[in-house]
């Protein structure tokens, strides 16, 4: 069974940094495009970033470009989302996803507040 588990969320002050992890089990991540999404209660889920399979081409939403970096570590079967210069509007539950499928993690909460 393909499973994803996110971790690394928490409370951080504006301007701070967090690194989210998306660990895979039941399959090898490097054969798949992986996306990071976020959702605020009452709003639609928003795609934040994506990394393609094999050549690791990356994409970012305009709202996070220049502040967030997606990467993968194939030895650890994990995809990361490094988030810098965090803003209050980045507060959300963050999910990773095998792009284009219904395989999602359980989410990790990021709260940016002073």
N, C-alpha and C. Protein backbone atom coordinates (compact mmCIF):
# COMPACT_ATOMS: atom_id res chain seq x y z
N UNK A 1 0.84 -1.19 0.00
CA UNK A 1 0.00 0.00 0.00
C UNK A 1 0.88 1.25 0.00
N UNK A 2 0.55 2.19 -0.88
CA UNK A 2 1.31 3.42 -0.95
C UNK A 2 0.84 4.35 0.16
N UNK A 3 1.79 4.82 0.99
CA UNK A 3 1.46 5.74 2.08
C UNK A 3 2.45 6.89 2.13
N UNK A 4 1.95 8.05 2.55
CA UNK A 4 2.76 9.24 2.75
C UNK A 4 2.53 9.76 4.16
N UNK A 5 3.60 10.16 4.82
CA UNK A 5 3.49 10.70 6.18
C UNK A 5 4.25 12.01 6.24
N UNK A 6 3.52 13.10 6.54
CA UNK A 6 4.14 14.41 6.68
C UNK A 6 4.58 14.65 8.12
N UNK A 7 5.60 15.45 8.29
CA UNK A 7 6.05 15.88 9.61
C UNK A 7 6.79 17.20 9.48
N UNK A 8 7.05 17.82 10.63
CA UNK A 8 7.85 19.03 10.63
C UNK A 8 7.07 20.32 10.84
N UNK A 9 5.76 20.22 10.91
CA UNK A 9 4.98 21.42 11.16
C UNK A 9 5.14 21.92 12.58
N UNK A 10 4.60 23.10 12.84
CA UNK A 10 4.67 23.66 14.19
C UNK A 10 4.36 25.13 14.18
N UNK A 11 4.65 25.76 15.30
CA UNK A 11 4.44 27.19 15.47
C UNK A 11 5.76 27.93 15.24
N UNK A 12 5.72 28.94 14.41
CA UNK A 12 6.93 29.70 14.11
C UNK A 12 6.55 31.17 14.00
N UNK A 13 7.48 32.05 14.33
CA UNK A 13 7.22 33.48 14.22
C UNK A 13 7.36 33.94 12.77
N UNK A 14 6.70 35.01 12.42
CA UNK A 14 6.89 35.57 11.07
C UNK A 14 8.36 35.82 10.79
N UNK A 15 8.78 35.45 9.58
CA UNK A 15 10.18 35.56 9.21
C UNK A 15 10.99 34.32 9.50
N UNK A 16 10.42 33.39 10.22
CA UNK A 16 11.11 32.18 10.58
C UNK A 16 11.08 31.12 9.49
N UNK A 17 11.63 29.95 9.81
CA UNK A 17 11.75 28.85 8.85
C UNK A 17 11.27 27.54 9.46
N UNK A 18 10.81 26.68 8.59
CA UNK A 18 10.48 25.30 8.94
C UNK A 18 10.84 24.41 7.76
N UNK A 19 11.12 23.16 8.04
CA UNK A 19 11.30 22.19 6.97
C UNK A 19 10.31 21.06 7.18
N UNK A 20 9.46 20.88 6.20
CA UNK A 20 8.49 19.79 6.22
C UNK A 20 9.07 18.57 5.52
N UNK A 21 8.70 17.40 6.02
CA UNK A 21 9.13 16.14 5.41
C UNK A 21 7.92 15.34 4.97
N UNK A 22 8.08 14.64 3.88
CA UNK A 22 7.04 13.74 3.36
C UNK A 22 7.72 12.40 3.13
N UNK A 23 7.51 11.47 4.04
CA UNK A 23 8.15 10.16 3.96
C UNK A 23 7.20 9.17 3.32
N UNK A 24 7.73 8.40 2.38
CA UNK A 24 6.92 7.43 1.65
C UNK A 24 7.17 6.02 2.14
N UNK A 25 6.15 5.20 2.11
CA UNK A 25 6.30 3.78 2.37
C UNK A 25 5.43 3.02 1.38
N UNK A 26 5.87 1.82 1.05
CA UNK A 26 5.12 1.00 0.12
C UNK A 26 5.44 1.27 -1.34
N UNK A 27 6.28 2.24 -1.61
CA UNK A 27 6.69 2.53 -2.97
C UNK A 27 7.94 3.41 -2.92
N UNK A 28 8.58 3.57 -4.10
CA UNK A 28 9.79 4.38 -4.19
C UNK A 28 9.43 5.75 -4.76
N UNK A 29 9.72 6.79 -3.98
CA UNK A 29 9.32 8.14 -4.35
C UNK A 29 9.91 8.63 -5.67
N UNK A 30 11.12 8.21 -6.01
CA UNK A 30 11.80 8.84 -7.13
C UNK A 30 11.16 8.51 -8.48
N UNK A 31 10.21 7.58 -8.48
CA UNK A 31 9.52 7.27 -9.71
C UNK A 31 8.26 8.10 -9.92
N UNK A 32 8.00 9.04 -9.01
CA UNK A 32 6.75 9.78 -9.04
C UNK A 32 6.99 11.28 -8.87
N UNK A 33 6.10 12.06 -9.48
CA UNK A 33 6.04 13.48 -9.16
C UNK A 33 5.31 13.63 -7.83
N UNK A 34 5.85 14.48 -6.97
CA UNK A 34 5.27 14.68 -5.64
C UNK A 34 4.93 16.17 -5.48
N UNK A 35 3.74 16.42 -4.99
CA UNK A 35 3.30 17.78 -4.76
C UNK A 35 3.11 18.08 -3.29
N UNK A 36 3.31 19.34 -2.94
CA UNK A 36 2.93 19.86 -1.63
C UNK A 36 1.75 20.79 -1.82
N UNK A 37 0.74 20.61 -1.00
CA UNK A 37 -0.46 21.42 -1.03
C UNK A 37 -0.71 21.96 0.37
N UNK A 38 -1.54 22.99 0.46
CA UNK A 38 -1.93 23.49 1.77
C UNK A 38 -3.40 23.88 1.76
N UNK A 39 -3.99 23.83 2.94
CA UNK A 39 -5.42 24.14 3.03
C UNK A 39 -5.71 24.87 4.33
N UNK A 40 -6.48 25.93 4.20
CA UNK A 40 -7.00 26.69 5.33
C UNK A 40 -8.47 26.35 5.47
N UNK A 41 -8.97 26.18 6.69
CA UNK A 41 -10.39 25.85 6.85
C UNK A 41 -11.30 26.82 6.08
N UNK A 42 -12.23 26.24 5.34
CA UNK A 42 -13.16 27.05 4.58
C UNK A 42 -12.68 27.46 3.21
N UNK A 43 -11.44 27.08 2.87
CA UNK A 43 -10.89 27.43 1.56
C UNK A 43 -10.47 26.16 0.82
N UNK A 44 -10.34 26.29 -0.49
CA UNK A 44 -9.93 25.15 -1.31
C UNK A 44 -8.46 24.83 -1.06
N UNK A 45 -8.13 23.56 -1.27
CA UNK A 45 -6.74 23.15 -1.16
C UNK A 45 -5.93 23.81 -2.28
N UNK A 46 -4.76 24.32 -1.94
CA UNK A 46 -3.92 25.08 -2.87
C UNK A 46 -2.61 24.34 -3.10
N UNK A 47 -2.21 24.21 -4.37
CA UNK A 47 -0.93 23.59 -4.65
C UNK A 47 0.17 24.61 -4.39
N UNK A 48 1.16 24.20 -3.62
CA UNK A 48 2.26 25.07 -3.23
C UNK A 48 3.49 24.82 -4.09
N UNK A 49 3.80 23.54 -4.31
CA UNK A 49 5.02 23.20 -5.03
C UNK A 49 4.91 21.77 -5.53
N UNK A 50 5.74 21.45 -6.52
CA UNK A 50 5.76 20.11 -7.08
C UNK A 50 7.17 19.81 -7.57
N UNK A 51 7.55 18.56 -7.46
CA UNK A 51 8.84 18.12 -8.02
C UNK A 51 8.56 16.92 -8.90
N UNK A 52 9.07 16.96 -10.13
CA UNK A 52 8.78 15.89 -11.08
C UNK A 52 9.64 14.67 -10.79
N UNK A 53 9.30 13.56 -11.41
CA UNK A 53 10.10 12.35 -11.26
C UNK A 53 11.35 12.43 -12.15
N UNK A 54 12.35 11.66 -11.82
CA UNK A 54 13.58 11.48 -12.59
C UNK A 54 14.42 12.75 -12.74
N UNK A 55 13.95 13.79 -13.45
CA UNK A 55 14.81 14.95 -13.67
C UNK A 55 14.63 16.01 -12.58
N UNK A 56 13.66 15.80 -11.66
CA UNK A 56 13.48 16.70 -10.52
C UNK A 56 13.28 18.15 -10.92
N UNK A 57 12.49 18.38 -11.93
CA UNK A 57 12.10 19.75 -12.25
C UNK A 57 11.11 20.22 -11.19
N UNK A 58 11.24 21.49 -10.81
CA UNK A 58 10.43 21.99 -9.70
C UNK A 58 9.50 23.11 -10.14
N UNK A 59 8.38 23.22 -9.47
CA UNK A 59 7.39 24.26 -9.72
C UNK A 59 6.95 24.85 -8.39
N UNK A 60 6.64 26.15 -8.41
CA UNK A 60 6.21 26.84 -7.19
C UNK A 60 5.04 27.76 -7.49
N UNK A 61 4.13 27.84 -6.53
CA UNK A 61 3.09 28.85 -6.63
C UNK A 61 3.73 30.23 -6.48
N UNK A 62 3.12 31.21 -7.11
CA UNK A 62 3.67 32.57 -7.08
C UNK A 62 3.79 33.09 -5.65
N UNK A 63 2.89 32.64 -4.79
CA UNK A 63 2.85 33.14 -3.42
C UNK A 63 4.03 32.67 -2.58
N UNK A 64 4.72 31.61 -3.02
CA UNK A 64 5.83 31.06 -2.23
C UNK A 64 7.16 31.08 -2.98
N UNK A 65 7.13 31.44 -4.25
CA UNK A 65 8.35 31.40 -5.05
C UNK A 65 9.40 32.31 -4.44
N UNK A 66 10.63 31.79 -4.33
CA UNK A 66 11.71 32.55 -3.73
C UNK A 66 11.85 32.36 -2.23
N UNK A 67 10.82 31.76 -1.63
CA UNK A 67 10.85 31.53 -0.17
C UNK A 67 10.86 30.04 0.17
N UNK A 68 10.22 29.23 -0.65
CA UNK A 68 10.11 27.79 -0.40
C UNK A 68 10.99 27.03 -1.41
N UNK A 69 11.52 25.90 -0.96
CA UNK A 69 12.32 25.05 -1.83
C UNK A 69 11.91 23.59 -1.61
N UNK A 70 11.57 22.92 -2.70
CA UNK A 70 11.22 21.50 -2.65
C UNK A 70 12.43 20.69 -3.09
N UNK A 71 12.62 19.55 -2.44
CA UNK A 71 13.74 18.68 -2.81
C UNK A 71 13.39 17.25 -2.41
N UNK A 72 14.17 16.31 -2.92
CA UNK A 72 13.95 14.92 -2.53
C UNK A 72 15.27 14.26 -2.15
N UNK A 73 15.21 13.32 -1.23
CA UNK A 73 16.34 12.49 -0.85
C UNK A 73 15.92 11.05 -1.13
N UNK A 74 16.43 10.51 -2.22
CA UNK A 74 16.01 9.17 -2.62
C UNK A 74 16.48 8.10 -1.63
N UNK A 75 17.63 8.32 -1.00
CA UNK A 75 18.12 7.34 -0.02
C UNK A 75 17.16 7.23 1.16
N UNK A 76 16.53 8.34 1.52
CA UNK A 76 15.59 8.35 2.65
C UNK A 76 14.14 8.21 2.19
N UNK A 77 13.96 8.13 0.86
CA UNK A 77 12.61 8.00 0.31
C UNK A 77 11.69 9.11 0.85
N UNK A 78 12.22 10.32 0.83
CA UNK A 78 11.55 11.46 1.45
C UNK A 78 11.65 12.69 0.55
N UNK A 79 10.57 13.46 0.51
CA UNK A 79 10.56 14.76 -0.14
C UNK A 79 10.43 15.83 0.93
N UNK A 80 11.15 16.92 0.75
CA UNK A 80 11.16 18.00 1.73
C UNK A 80 10.58 19.28 1.14
N UNK A 81 10.08 20.12 2.04
CA UNK A 81 9.69 21.47 1.66
C UNK A 81 10.33 22.41 2.68
N UNK A 82 11.40 23.09 2.25
CA UNK A 82 12.06 24.08 3.10
C UNK A 82 11.31 25.40 2.94
N UNK A 83 10.84 25.93 4.06
CA UNK A 83 10.04 27.15 4.03
C UNK A 83 10.76 28.24 4.82
N UNK A 84 11.14 29.28 4.14
CA UNK A 84 11.85 30.41 4.75
C UNK A 84 10.99 31.67 4.66
N UNK A 85 11.36 32.67 5.44
CA UNK A 85 10.66 33.96 5.44
C UNK A 85 9.15 33.77 5.56
N UNK A 86 8.76 32.95 6.50
CA UNK A 86 7.35 32.61 6.64
C UNK A 86 6.51 33.82 7.02
N UNK A 87 5.28 33.82 6.50
CA UNK A 87 4.33 34.89 6.73
C UNK A 87 3.07 34.32 7.39
N UNK A 88 2.30 35.19 7.99
CA UNK A 88 1.06 34.74 8.64
C UNK A 88 0.16 34.02 7.64
N UNK A 89 0.15 34.47 6.40
CA UNK A 89 -0.72 33.86 5.40
C UNK A 89 -0.25 32.49 4.94
N UNK A 90 0.92 32.04 5.40
CA UNK A 90 1.36 30.67 5.13
C UNK A 90 0.75 29.68 6.11
N UNK A 91 0.05 30.18 7.12
CA UNK A 91 -0.59 29.31 8.09
C UNK A 91 -1.62 28.41 7.40
N UNK A 92 -1.47 27.10 7.58
CA UNK A 92 -2.34 26.13 6.92
C UNK A 92 -1.94 24.72 7.35
N UNK A 93 -2.76 23.76 6.98
CA UNK A 93 -2.36 22.35 7.06
C UNK A 93 -1.71 22.02 5.72
N UNK A 94 -0.53 21.46 5.78
CA UNK A 94 0.24 21.13 4.58
C UNK A 94 0.18 19.62 4.35
N UNK A 95 -0.08 19.27 3.10
CA UNK A 95 -0.20 17.88 2.69
C UNK A 95 0.75 17.59 1.54
N UNK A 96 1.27 16.37 1.50
CA UNK A 96 1.96 15.94 0.30
C UNK A 96 1.10 14.90 -0.43
N UNK A 97 1.39 14.76 -1.70
CA UNK A 97 0.51 13.97 -2.57
C UNK A 97 1.33 13.36 -3.70
N UNK A 98 1.02 12.14 -4.05
CA UNK A 98 1.56 11.59 -5.31
C UNK A 98 0.76 12.30 -6.39
N UNK A 99 1.44 13.14 -7.14
CA UNK A 99 0.76 14.09 -8.01
C UNK A 99 -0.17 13.37 -8.99
N UNK A 100 -1.39 13.83 -9.05
CA UNK A 100 -2.35 13.26 -9.98
C UNK A 100 -3.08 12.03 -9.47
N UNK A 101 -2.83 11.68 -8.21
CA UNK A 101 -3.51 10.52 -7.61
C UNK A 101 -4.28 10.95 -6.36
N UNK A 102 -4.95 10.00 -5.76
CA UNK A 102 -5.67 10.26 -4.51
C UNK A 102 -4.88 9.79 -3.30
N UNK A 103 -3.57 9.65 -3.46
CA UNK A 103 -2.73 9.24 -2.34
C UNK A 103 -2.21 10.50 -1.65
N UNK A 104 -2.69 10.73 -0.43
CA UNK A 104 -2.36 11.90 0.36
C UNK A 104 -1.86 11.48 1.73
N UNK A 105 -1.02 12.32 2.33
CA UNK A 105 -0.68 12.13 3.72
C UNK A 105 -1.77 12.69 4.61
N UNK A 106 -1.54 12.61 5.92
CA UNK A 106 -2.55 13.05 6.89
C UNK A 106 -2.46 14.55 7.15
N UNK A 107 -1.38 15.18 6.72
CA UNK A 107 -1.21 16.62 6.89
C UNK A 107 -0.41 16.97 8.13
N UNK A 108 0.22 18.14 8.07
CA UNK A 108 0.95 18.68 9.22
C UNK A 108 0.64 20.17 9.31
N UNK A 109 0.33 20.63 10.51
CA UNK A 109 -0.13 22.00 10.69
C UNK A 109 1.05 22.95 10.84
N UNK A 110 1.03 24.01 10.07
CA UNK A 110 2.00 25.09 10.17
C UNK A 110 1.27 26.35 10.62
N UNK A 111 1.72 26.92 11.71
CA UNK A 111 1.13 28.15 12.23
C UNK A 111 2.21 29.21 12.32
N UNK A 112 1.99 30.31 11.62
CA UNK A 112 2.94 31.42 11.63
C UNK A 112 2.30 32.57 12.39
N UNK A 113 2.83 32.85 13.57
CA UNK A 113 2.22 33.85 14.44
C UNK A 113 3.24 34.35 15.45
N UNK A 114 3.09 35.60 15.81
CA UNK A 114 3.95 36.17 16.85
C UNK A 114 3.26 36.07 18.21
